[in-house]
Amino acid sequence: MSPSMPVSLSPSPPSRTPFPISPRSLLPSRGAARAAPRGDVTLCAPCRHSRAAMLPALRRCRPGPVPLPALAAALGPGPFPALCPGWSPRAVPARGRKSRHDPPAKSKVGRVKLPPPVDPEELLVVLERYRQHRLVLNALRAEFRAEVLQKKREERLAAAGSLEEQEEHRRLMAWNDEENARQRARREERLRKQEEEEKRKKLEIAEKQARKMEAFVEEKEKEVLQLQEEAKNFITLENLEARIEECLDNPRNYNFAIDKDGRIVKRTVLS
């Protein structure tokens, strides 16, 4: 096809057959098949005509890219990959199935369809349970519908009074900020007083510990001085003879009795 040739994109009219075509009409009759020799099939005139009409459709169904039927007459023969892929849904022929006018199969001629047996008691139980199930579902739907309507009503009221609520919200936020500032000042003052009280208590504890340590040191110093004074009367190797002579010269008797006031009442005589 030359580039200067005009291309017509209008769909070509479909070819009409002089009689309706059915899947059974494409098959040869028993007499023709019996009369034909082996290896060759003789078709009647309607079958040959139907076969000639079906060949273009089968060619369009072959694998590989082919053009659309609307452009086939204008573009001519040849593959066109960009136009229509092979085995497209509109090009696949229908499967041969039994139509509603065909007689039933020989094995199903005497078949009588009977409904399955139903137990009346079981049917009543099932119907009652279905009724209860429908009641529960209707109640749930009604409750959910009421909740949805309530939410919509609240949203509508909120949208209507949004300006007043915003003003009220701003006023409450300002009051909240003032209250937070006041509480913050009170908290800071309380923390400051607590810190001062803790410092004062720590100072008092430190002073008490210092006074206690001073008293302890003074007491230990007194004990040391007393021990130093008592150490003068200790018996050592140097004054051992003198102390023995002194004890012999001044004997003491510790065998005595005392009254309730601690006075010596009776003393034994040294032998």
C-alpha atoms as a PDB file:
ATOM      1  CA  MET A   1       0.000   0.000   0.000  1.00  0.00           C
ATOM      2  CA  SER A   2       1.481   3.364  -1.077  1.00  0.00           C
ATOM      3  CA  PRO A   3       1.754   6.236   1.426  1.00  0.00           C
ATOM      4  CA  SER A   4      -0.330   8.548  -0.769  1.00  0.00           C
ATOM      5  CA  MET A   5      -3.314   6.202  -0.816  1.00  0.00           C
ATOM      6  CA  PRO A   6      -6.128   7.422   1.500  1.00  0.00           C
ATOM      7  CA  VAL A   7      -7.010   5.111   4.353  1.00  0.00           C
ATOM      8  CA  SER A   8     -10.634   4.634   5.372  1.00  0.00           C
ATOM      9  CA  LEU A   9     -11.162   3.865   9.068  1.00  0.00           C
ATOM     10  CA  SER A  10     -14.896   3.182   8.832  1.00  0.00           C
ATOM     11  CA  PRO A  11     -15.818  -0.377   9.819  1.00  0.00           C
ATOM     12  CA  SER A  12     -16.680  -2.669   6.955  1.00  0.00           C
ATOM     13  CA  PRO A  13     -20.181  -4.184   7.005  1.00  0.00           C
ATOM     14  CA  PRO A  14     -20.223  -7.755   8.292  1.00  0.00           C
ATOM     15  CA  SER A  15     -20.709 -10.515   5.792  1.00  0.00           C
ATOM     16  CA  ARG A  16     -24.156 -12.067   5.928  1.00  0.00           C
ATOM     17  CA  THR A  17     -24.867 -15.707   5.394  1.00  0.00           C
ATOM     18  CA  PRO A  18     -28.035 -16.803   3.568  1.00  0.00           C
ATOM     19  CA  PHE A  19     -29.043 -19.059   6.492  1.00  0.00           C
ATOM     20  CA  PRO A  20     -28.287 -19.275  10.247  1.00  0.00           C
ATOM     21  CA  ILE A  21     -25.149 -21.187  11.211  1.00  0.00           C
ATOM     22  CA  SER A  22     -25.151 -23.629  14.125  1.00  0.00           C
ATOM     23  CA  PRO A  23     -22.286 -25.817  15.414  1.00  0.00           C
ATOM     24  CA  ARG A  24     -24.119 -28.937  14.270  1.00  0.00           C
ATOM     25  CA  SER A  25     -24.446 -27.611  10.698  1.00  0.00           C
ATOM     26  CA  LEU A  26     -20.654 -27.511  10.338  1.00  0.00           C
ATOM     27  CA  LEU A  27     -20.428 -31.304  10.699  1.00  0.00           C
ATOM     28  CA  PRO A  28     -21.092 -33.585   7.686  1.00  0.00           C
ATOM     29  CA  SER A  29     -24.192 -35.710   7.657  1.00  0.00           C
ATOM     30  CA  ARG A  30     -23.993 -39.427   8.390  1.00  0.00           C
ATOM     31  CA  GLY A  31     -24.895 -40.339   4.820  1.00  0.00           C
ATOM     32  CA  ALA A  32     -22.246 -38.084   3.323  1.00  0.00           C
ATOM     33  CA  ALA A  33     -19.606 -39.360   5.721  1.00  0.00           C
ATOM     34  CA  ARG A  34     -20.611 -42.984   4.967  1.00  0.00           C
ATOM     35  CA  ALA A  35     -20.557 -42.420   1.193  1.00  0.00           C
ATOM     36  CA  ALA A  36     -17.218 -40.616   1.159  1.00  0.00           C
ATOM     37  CA  PRO A  37     -14.109 -42.765   0.760  1.00  0.00           C
ATOM     38  CA  ARG A  38     -11.560 -43.092   3.569  1.00  0.00           C
ATOM     39  CA  GLY A  39      -9.145 -40.164   3.668  1.00  0.00           C
ATOM     40  CA  ASP A  40     -11.540 -37.721   1.935  1.00  0.00           C
ATOM     41  CA  VAL A  41     -14.619 -35.963   3.330  1.00  0.00           C
ATOM     42  CA  THR A  42     -17.369 -34.720   1.034  1.00  0.00           C
ATOM     43  CA  LEU A  43     -19.277 -31.700   2.389  1.00  0.00           C
ATOM     44  CA  CYS A  44     -22.667 -30.518   1.252  1.00  0.00           C
ATOM     45  CA  ALA A  45     -23.185 -27.046  -0.225  1.00  0.00           C
ATOM     46  CA  PRO A  46     -24.376 -25.387   3.020  1.00  0.00           C
ATOM     47  CA  CYS A  47     -21.447 -26.905   4.921  1.00  0.00           C
ATOM     48  CA  ARG A  48     -18.961 -25.673   2.328  1.00  0.00           C
ATOM     49  CA  HIS A  49     -20.508 -22.197   2.450  1.00  0.00           C
ATOM     50  CA  SER A  50     -20.400 -22.149   6.277  1.00  0.00           C
ATOM     51  CA  ARG A  51     -16.827 -23.370   6.232  1.00  0.00           C
ATOM     52  CA  ALA A  52     -15.864 -20.595   3.828  1.00  0.00           C
ATOM     53  CA  ALA A  53     -17.587 -18.039   6.097  1.00  0.00           C
ATOM     54  CA  MET A  54     -15.813 -19.342   9.236  1.00  0.00           C
ATOM     55  CA  LEU A  55     -12.306 -19.265   7.759  1.00  0.00           C
ATOM     56  CA  PRO A  56     -11.808 -15.460   8.114  1.00  0.00           C
ATOM     57  CA  ALA A  57     -12.883 -15.635  11.761  1.00  0.00           C
ATOM     58  CA  LEU A  58     -10.489 -18.510  12.417  1.00  0.00           C
ATOM     59  CA  ARG A  59      -7.688 -16.597  10.702  1.00  0.00           C
ATOM     60  CA  ARG A  60      -8.305 -13.667  13.041  1.00  0.00           C
ATOM     61  CA  CYS A  61      -8.037 -16.067  15.993  1.00  0.00           C
ATOM     62  CA  ARG A  62      -4.639 -17.469  15.003  1.00  0.00           C
ATOM     63  CA  PRO A  63      -1.729 -16.651  17.376  1.00  0.00           C
ATOM     64  CA  GLY A  64       0.263 -13.558  16.620  1.00  0.00           C
ATOM     65  CA  PRO A  65      -0.579  -9.865  16.261  1.00  0.00           C
ATOM     66  CA  VAL A  66      -3.332  -9.105  13.755  1.00  0.00           C
ATOM     67  CA  PRO A  67      -5.199  -5.833  12.971  1.00  0.00           C
ATOM     68  CA  LEU A  68      -8.671  -5.005  14.138  1.00  0.00           C
ATOM     69  CA  PRO A  69     -11.523  -6.063  11.823  1.00  0.00           C
ATOM     70  CA  ALA A  70     -12.420  -2.390  11.301  1.00  0.00           C
ATOM     71  CA  LEU A  71      -8.937  -1.653   9.903  1.00  0.00           C
ATOM     72  CA  ALA A  72      -8.339  -4.931   8.078  1.00  0.00           C
ATOM     73  CA  ALA A  73      -9.971  -3.802   4.824  1.00  0.00           C
ATOM     74  CA  ALA A  74      -8.197  -0.420   4.830  1.00  0.00           C
ATOM     75  CA  LEU A  75      -4.696  -1.588   5.827  1.00  0.00           C
ATOM     76  CA  GLY A  76      -4.598  -4.802   3.861  1.00  0.00           C
ATOM     77  CA  PRO A  77      -2.814  -8.034   4.761  1.00  0.00           C
ATOM     78  CA  GLY A  78       0.147  -8.064   7.062  1.00  0.00           C
ATOM     79  CA  PRO A  79       0.856  -8.135  10.821  1.00  0.00           C
ATOM     80  CA  PHE A  80       0.365  -4.893  12.780  1.00  0.00           C
ATOM     81  CA  PRO A  81       1.622  -5.405  16.368  1.00  0.00           C
ATOM     82  CA  ALA A  82       0.512  -1.993  17.641  1.00  0.00           C
ATOM     83  CA  LEU A  83      -3.143  -2.447  16.703  1.00  0.00           C
ATOM     84  CA  CYS A  84      -4.502  -5.678  18.160  1.00  0.00           C
ATOM     85  CA  PRO A  85      -2.772  -8.551  20.029  1.00  0.00           C
ATOM     86  CA  GLY A  86      -3.342 -12.146  19.000  1.00  0.00           C
ATOM     87  CA  TRP A  87      -6.048 -14.189  20.747  1.00  0.00           C
ATOM     88  CA  SER A  88      -7.858 -11.103  22.033  1.00  0.00           C
ATOM     89  CA  PRO A  89     -11.110 -11.712  23.982  1.00  0.00           C
ATOM     90  CA  ARG A  90     -13.303 -10.377  21.201  1.00  0.00           C
ATOM     91  CA  ALA A  91     -11.598 -12.691  18.671  1.00  0.00           C
ATOM     92  CA  VAL A  92     -11.827 -15.976  20.671  1.00  0.00           C
ATOM     93  CA  PRO A  93     -14.757 -18.114  19.392  1.00  0.00           C
ATOM     94  CA  ALA A  94     -17.424 -19.310  21.821  1.00  0.00           C
ATOM     95  CA  ARG A  95     -17.224 -22.869  23.123  1.00  0.00           C
ATOM     96  CA  GLY A  96     -19.744 -25.322  21.750  1.00  0.00           C
ATOM     97  CA  ARG A  97     -22.444 -25.820  24.404  1.00  0.00           C
ATOM     98  CA  LYS A  98     -25.951 -27.208  24.329  1.00  0.00           C
ATOM     99  CA  SER A  99     -28.593 -24.569  23.660  1.00  0.00           C
ATOM    100  CA  ARG A 100     -32.000 -24.416  25.293  1.00  0.00           C
ATOM    101  CA  HIS A 101     -33.660 -25.860  22.182  1.00  0.00           C
ATOM    102  CA  ASP A 102     -31.539 -29.040  22.099  1.00  0.00           C
ATOM    103  CA  PRO A 103     -33.210 -32.211  23.455  1.00  0.00           C
ATOM    104  CA  PRO A 104     -31.941 -33.706  26.747  1.00  0.00           C
ATOM    105  CA  ALA A 105     -29.391 -36.479  26.783  1.00  0.00           C
ATOM    106  CA  LYS A 106     -30.569 -40.077  26.466  1.00  0.00           C
ATOM    107  CA  SER A 107     -29.300 -40.905  29.976  1.00  0.00           C
ATOM    108  CA  LYS A 108     -31.371 -38.025  31.454  1.00  0.00           C
ATOM    109  CA  VAL A 109     -34.679 -38.598  29.605  1.00  0.00           C
ATOM    110  CA  GLY A 110     -36.419 -40.537  32.393  1.00  0.00           C
ATOM    111  CA  ARG A 111     -34.887 -38.517  35.252  1.00  0.00           C
ATOM    112  CA  VAL A 112     -37.410 -36.850  37.559  1.00  0.00           C
ATOM    113  CA  LYS A 113     -36.093 -34.070  39.776  1.00  0.00           C
ATOM    114  CA  LEU A 114     -37.389 -34.403  43.322  1.00  0.00           C
ATOM    115  CA  PRO A 115     -36.714 -31.874  46.074  1.00  0.00           C
ATOM    116  CA  PRO A 116     -34.596 -33.130  48.966  1.00  0.00           C
ATOM    117  CA  PRO A 117     -36.566 -34.352  51.987  1.00  0.00           C
ATOM    118  CA  VAL A 118     -37.004 -31.822  54.814  1.00  0.00           C
ATOM    119  CA  ASP A 119     -37.561 -32.690  58.469  1.00  0.00           C
ATOM    120  CA  PRO A 120     -40.486 -30.536  59.771  1.00  0.00           C
ATOM    121  CA  GLU A 121     -39.095 -30.272  63.308  1.00  0.00           C
ATOM    122  CA  GLU A 122     -35.660 -29.294  62.067  1.00  0.00           C
ATOM    123  CA  LEU A 123     -37.246 -26.784  59.680  1.00  0.00           C
ATOM    124  CA  LEU A 124     -39.163 -25.174  62.558  1.00  0.00           C
ATOM    125  CA  VAL A 125     -35.996 -24.949  64.651  1.00  0.00           C
ATOM    126  CA  VAL A 126     -34.034 -23.426  61.778  1.00  0.00           C
ATOM    127  CA  LEU A 127     -36.799 -20.920  61.019  1.00  0.00           C
ATOM    128  CA  GLU A 128     -36.986 -19.899  64.690  1.00  0.00           C
ATOM    129  CA  ARG A 129     -33.230 -19.436  64.860  1.00  0.00           C
ATOM    130  CA  TYR A 130     -33.264 -17.387  61.668  1.00  0.00           C
ATOM    131  CA  ARG A 131     -36.036 -15.234  63.141  1.00  0.00           C
ATOM    132  CA  GLN A 132     -34.024 -14.635  66.316  1.00  0.00           C
ATOM    133  CA  HIS A 133     -30.944 -13.906  64.221  1.00  0.00           C
ATOM    134  CA  ARG A 134     -32.845 -11.325  62.181  1.00  0.00           C
ATOM    135  CA  LEU A 135     -34.204  -9.726  65.368  1.00  0.00           C
ATOM    136  CA  VAL A 136     -30.697  -9.409  66.817  1.00  0.00           C
ATOM    137  CA  LEU A 137     -29.334  -7.975  63.578  1.00  0.00           C
ATOM    138  CA  ASN A 138     -32.199  -5.481  63.325  1.00  0.00           C
ATOM    139  CA  ALA A 139     -31.631  -4.396  66.932  1.00  0.00           C
ATOM    140  CA  LEU A 140     -27.909  -3.936  66.312  1.00  0.00           C
ATOM    141  CA  ARG A 141     -28.566  -2.008  63.109  1.00  0.00           C
ATOM    142  CA  ALA A 142     -31.042   0.246  64.931  1.00  0.00           C
ATOM    143  CA  GLU A 143     -28.551   0.893  67.727  1.00  0.00           C
ATOM    144  CA  PHE A 144     -25.725   1.657  65.321  1.00  0.00           C
ATOM    145  CA  ARG A 145     -28.028   3.870  63.267  1.00  0.00           C
ATOM    146  CA  ALA A 146     -28.981   5.797  66.417  1.00  0.00           C
ATOM    147  CA  GLU A 147     -25.299   6.241  67.307  1.00  0.00           C
ATOM    148  CA  VAL A 148     -24.498   7.518  63.823  1.00  0.00           C
ATOM    149  CA  LEU A 149     -27.424   9.956  63.924  1.00  0.00           C
ATOM    150  CA  GLN A 150     -26.357  11.158  67.378  1.00  0.00           C
ATOM    151  CA  LYS A 151     -22.813  11.762  66.153  1.00  0.00           C
ATOM    152  CA  LYS A 152     -24.084  13.652  63.124  1.00  0.00           C
ATOM    153  CA  ARG A 153     -26.346  15.758  65.352  1.00  0.00           C
ATOM    154  CA  GLU A 154     -23.438  16.543  67.682  1.00  0.00           C
ATOM    155  CA  GLU A 155     -21.218  17.474  64.751  1.00  0.00           C
ATOM    156  CA  ARG A 156     -23.922  19.736  63.360  1.00  0.00           C
ATOM    157  CA  LEU A 157     -24.422  21.442  66.725  1.00  0.00           C
ATOM    158  CA  ALA A 158     -20.662  21.767  67.145  1.00  0.00           C
ATOM    159  CA  ALA A 159     -20.353  23.352  63.705  1.00  0.00           C
ATOM    160  CA  ALA A 160     -23.212  25.759  64.509  1.00  0.00           C
ATOM    161  CA  GLY A 161     -21.732  26.871  67.833  1.00  0.00           C
ATOM    162  CA  SER A 162     -18.079  26.713  66.831  1.00  0.00           C
ATOM    163  CA  LEU A 163     -17.507  30.491  67.142  1.00  0.00           C
ATOM    164  CA  GLU A 164     -18.898  30.643  70.668  1.00  0.00           C
ATOM    165  CA  GLU A 165     -16.930  27.560  71.635  1.00  0.00           C
ATOM    166  CA  GLN A 166     -13.737  29.046  70.201  1.00  0.00           C
ATOM    167  CA  GLU A 167     -14.265  32.263  72.170  1.00  0.00           C
ATOM    168  CA  GLU A 168     -15.004  30.262  75.313  1.00  0.00           C
ATOM    169  CA  HIS A 169     -11.934  28.141  74.652  1.00  0.00           C
ATOM    170  CA  ARG A 170      -9.720  31.221  74.291  1.00  0.00           C
ATOM    171  CA  ARG A 171     -11.114  32.698  77.516  1.00  0.00           C
ATOM    172  CA  LEU A 172     -10.575  29.450  79.393  1.00  0.00           C
ATOM    173  CA  MET A 173      -7.052  29.110  78.008  1.00  0.00           C
ATOM    174  CA  ALA A 174      -6.209  32.656  79.177  1.00  0.00           C
ATOM    175  CA  TRP A 175      -7.604  31.898  82.639  1.00  0.00           C
ATOM    176  CA  ASN A 176      -5.659  28.639  82.645  1.00  0.00           C
ATOM    177  CA  ASP A 177      -2.423  30.478  81.801  1.00  0.00           C
ATOM    178  CA  GLU A 178      -3.004  32.968  84.623  1.00  0.00           C
ATOM    179  CA  GLU A 179      -3.770  30.184  87.068  1.00  0.00           C
ATOM    180  CA  ASN A 180      -0.659  28.295  85.968  1.00  0.00           C
ATOM    181  CA  ALA A 181       1.476  31.410  86.503  1.00  0.00           C
ATOM    182  CA  ARG A 182      -0.008  31.936  89.987  1.00  0.00           C
ATOM    183  CA  GLN A 183       0.506  28.308  90.934  1.00  0.00           C
ATOM    184  CA  ARG A 184       4.062  28.456  89.563  1.00  0.00           C
ATOM    185  CA  ALA A 185       4.843  31.494  91.741  1.00  0.00           C
ATOM    186  CA  ARG A 186       3.377  29.773  94.805  1.00  0.00           C
ATOM    187  CA  ARG A 187       5.333  26.622  94.048  1.00  0.00           C
ATOM    188  CA  GLU A 188       8.579  28.566  93.640  1.00  0.00           C
ATOM    189  CA  GLU A 189       7.971  30.405  96.936  1.00  0.00           C
ATOM    190  CA  ARG A 190       7.213  27.129  98.709  1.00  0.00           C
ATOM    191  CA  LEU A 191      10.336  25.507  97.283  1.00  0.00           C
ATOM    192  CA  ARG A 192      12.432  28.503  98.334  1.00  0.00           C
ATOM    193  CA  LYS A 193      11.091  28.308 101.896  1.00  0.00           C
ATOM    194  CA  GLN A 194      11.673  24.574 101.988  1.00  0.00           C
ATOM    195  CA  GLU A 195      15.245  25.078 100.819  1.00  0.00           C
ATOM    196  CA  GLU A 196      15.856  27.726 103.498  1.00  0.00           C
ATOM    197  CA  GLU A 197      14.333  25.464 106.151  1.00  0.00           C
ATOM    198  CA  GLU A 198      16.548  22.581 105.044  1.00  0.00           C
ATOM    199  CA  LYS A 199      19.623  24.806 105.187  1.00  0.00           C
ATOM    200  CA  ARG A 200      18.672  26.001 108.692  1.00  0.00           C
ATOM    201  CA  LYS A 201      18.132  22.423 109.869  1.00  0.00           C
ATOM    202  CA  LYS A 202      21.471  21.382 108.408  1.00  0.00           C
ATOM    203  CA  LEU A 203      23.185  24.277 110.220  1.00  0.00           C
ATOM    204  CA  GLU A 204      21.502  23.346 113.501  1.00  0.00           C
ATOM    205  CA  ILE A 205      22.542  19.720 113.092  1.00  0.00           C
ATOM    206  CA  ALA A 206      26.110  20.797 112.314  1.00  0.00           C
ATOM    207  CA  GLU A 207      26.171  23.079 115.400  1.00  0.00           C
ATOM    208  CA  LYS A 208      24.801  20.291 117.594  1.00  0.00           C
ATOM    209  CA  GLN A 209      27.423  17.904 116.315  1.00  0.00           C
ATOM    210  CA  ALA A 210      30.130  20.526 116.892  1.00  0.00           C
ATOM    211  CA  ARG A 211      28.940  21.143 120.477  1.00  0.00           C
ATOM    212  CA  LYS A 212      28.712  17.423 121.101  1.00  0.00           C
ATOM    213  CA  MET A 213      32.234  16.961 119.770  1.00  0.00           C
ATOM    214  CA  GLU A 214      33.518  19.814 121.987  1.00  0.00           C
ATOM    215  CA  ALA A 215      31.866  18.271 125.054  1.00  0.00           C
ATOM    216  CA  PHE A 216      33.330  14.897 124.155  1.00  0.00           C
ATOM    217  CA  VAL A 217      36.800  16.407 123.744  1.00  0.00           C
ATOM    218  CA  GLU A 218      36.523  18.273 127.077  1.00  0.00           C
ATOM    219  CA  GLU A 219      35.409  15.101 128.834  1.00  0.00           C
ATOM    220  CA  LYS A 220      38.293  13.149 127.382  1.00  0.00           C
ATOM    221  CA  GLU A 221      40.694  15.921 128.377  1.00  0.00           C
ATOM    222  CA  LYS A 222      39.382  15.753 131.947  1.00  0.00           C
ATOM    223  CA  GLU A 223      39.802  11.985 131.947  1.00  0.00           C
ATOM    224  CA  VAL A 224      43.345  12.384 130.695  1.00  0.00           C
ATOM    225  CA  LEU A 225      44.142  14.959 133.399  1.00  0.00           C
ATOM    226  CA  GLN A 226      42.585  12.749 136.041  1.00  0.00           C
ATOM    227  CA  LEU A 227      44.601   9.791 134.835  1.00  0.00           C
ATOM    228  CA  GLN A 228      47.701  11.933 134.918  1.00  0.00           C
ATOM    229  CA  GLU A 229      46.945  12.899 138.533  1.00  0.00           C
ATOM    230  CA  GLU A 230      46.234   9.293 139.444  1.00  0.00           C
ATOM    231  CA  ALA A 231      49.371   8.169 137.700  1.00  0.00           C
ATOM    232  CA  LYS A 232      51.385   9.960 140.347  1.00  0.00           C
ATOM    233  CA  ASN A 233      50.205   7.376 142.914  1.00  0.00           C
ATOM    234  CA  PHE A 234      50.830   4.358 140.708  1.00  0.00           C
ATOM    235  CA  ILE A 235      53.184   1.689 142.111  1.00  0.00           C
ATOM    236  CA  THR A 236      56.273   1.351 139.977  1.00  0.00           C
ATOM    237  CA  LEU A 237      59.600  -0.418 140.397  1.00  0.00           C
ATOM    238  CA  GLU A 238      61.173   2.779 141.634  1.00  0.00           C
ATOM    239  CA  ASN A 239      58.707   3.403 144.514  1.00  0.00           C
ATOM    240  CA  LEU A 240      57.820  -0.206 145.246  1.00  0.00           C
ATOM    241  CA  GLU A 241      59.886  -0.424 148.500  1.00  0.00           C
ATOM    242  CA  ALA A 242      58.594   2.910 149.766  1.00  0.00           C
ATOM    243  CA  ARG A 243      54.982   1.990 149.163  1.00  0.00           C
ATOM    244  CA  ILE A 244      55.427  -1.323 150.947  1.00  0.00           C
ATOM    245  CA  GLU A 245      56.890   0.460 153.976  1.00  0.00           C
ATOM    246  CA  GLU A 246      54.010   2.973 153.907  1.00  0.00           C
ATOM    247  CA  CYS A 247      51.389   0.203 153.849  1.00  0.00           C
ATOM    248  CA  LEU A 248      53.028  -1.549 156.738  1.00  0.00           C
ATOM    249  CA  ASP A 249      53.150   1.662 158.745  1.00  0.00           C
ATOM    250  CA  ASN A 250      49.493   2.570 158.017  1.00  0.00           C
ATOM    251  CA  PRO A 251      47.413  -0.620 157.949  1.00  0.00           C
ATOM    252  CA  ARG A 252      43.747  -0.416 156.749  1.00  0.00           C
ATOM    253  CA  ASN A 253      40.869  -2.706 157.607  1.00  0.00           C
ATOM    254  CA  TYR A 254      38.198  -3.087 154.910  1.00  0.00           C
ATOM    255  CA  ASN A 255      36.135  -5.571 156.941  1.00  0.00           C
ATOM    256  CA  PHE A 256      33.340  -3.328 158.244  1.00  0.00           C
ATOM    257  CA  ALA A 257      29.564  -2.944 158.183  1.00  0.00           C
ATOM    258  CA  ILE A 258      27.576   0.129 157.054  1.00  0.00           C
ATOM    259  CA  ASP A 259      24.030   1.335 157.628  1.00  0.00           C
ATOM    260  CA  LYS A 260      21.474   2.641 155.101  1.00  0.00           C
ATOM    261  CA  ASP A 261      23.167   6.029 154.985  1.00  0.00           C
ATOM    262  CA  GLY A 262      26.563   4.523 154.198  1.00  0.00           C
ATOM    263  CA  ARG A 263      28.121   5.167 157.614  1.00  0.00           C
ATOM    264  CA  ILE A 264      30.465   2.616 159.125  1.00  0.00           C
ATOM    265  CA  VAL A 265      28.701   0.894 162.008  1.00  0.00           C
ATOM    266  CA  LYS A 266      31.092  -1.864 163.011  1.00  0.00           C
ATOM    267  CA  ARG A 267      34.657  -2.657 162.112  1.00  0.00           C
ATOM    268  CA  THR A 268      36.661  -5.696 163.003  1.00  0.00           C
ATOM    269  CA  VAL A 269      39.973  -5.410 164.759  1.00  0.00           C
ATOM    270  CA  LEU A 270      43.079  -6.275 162.826  1.00  0.00           C
ATOM    271  CA  SER A 271      44.990  -9.141 164.317  1.00  0.00           C
END
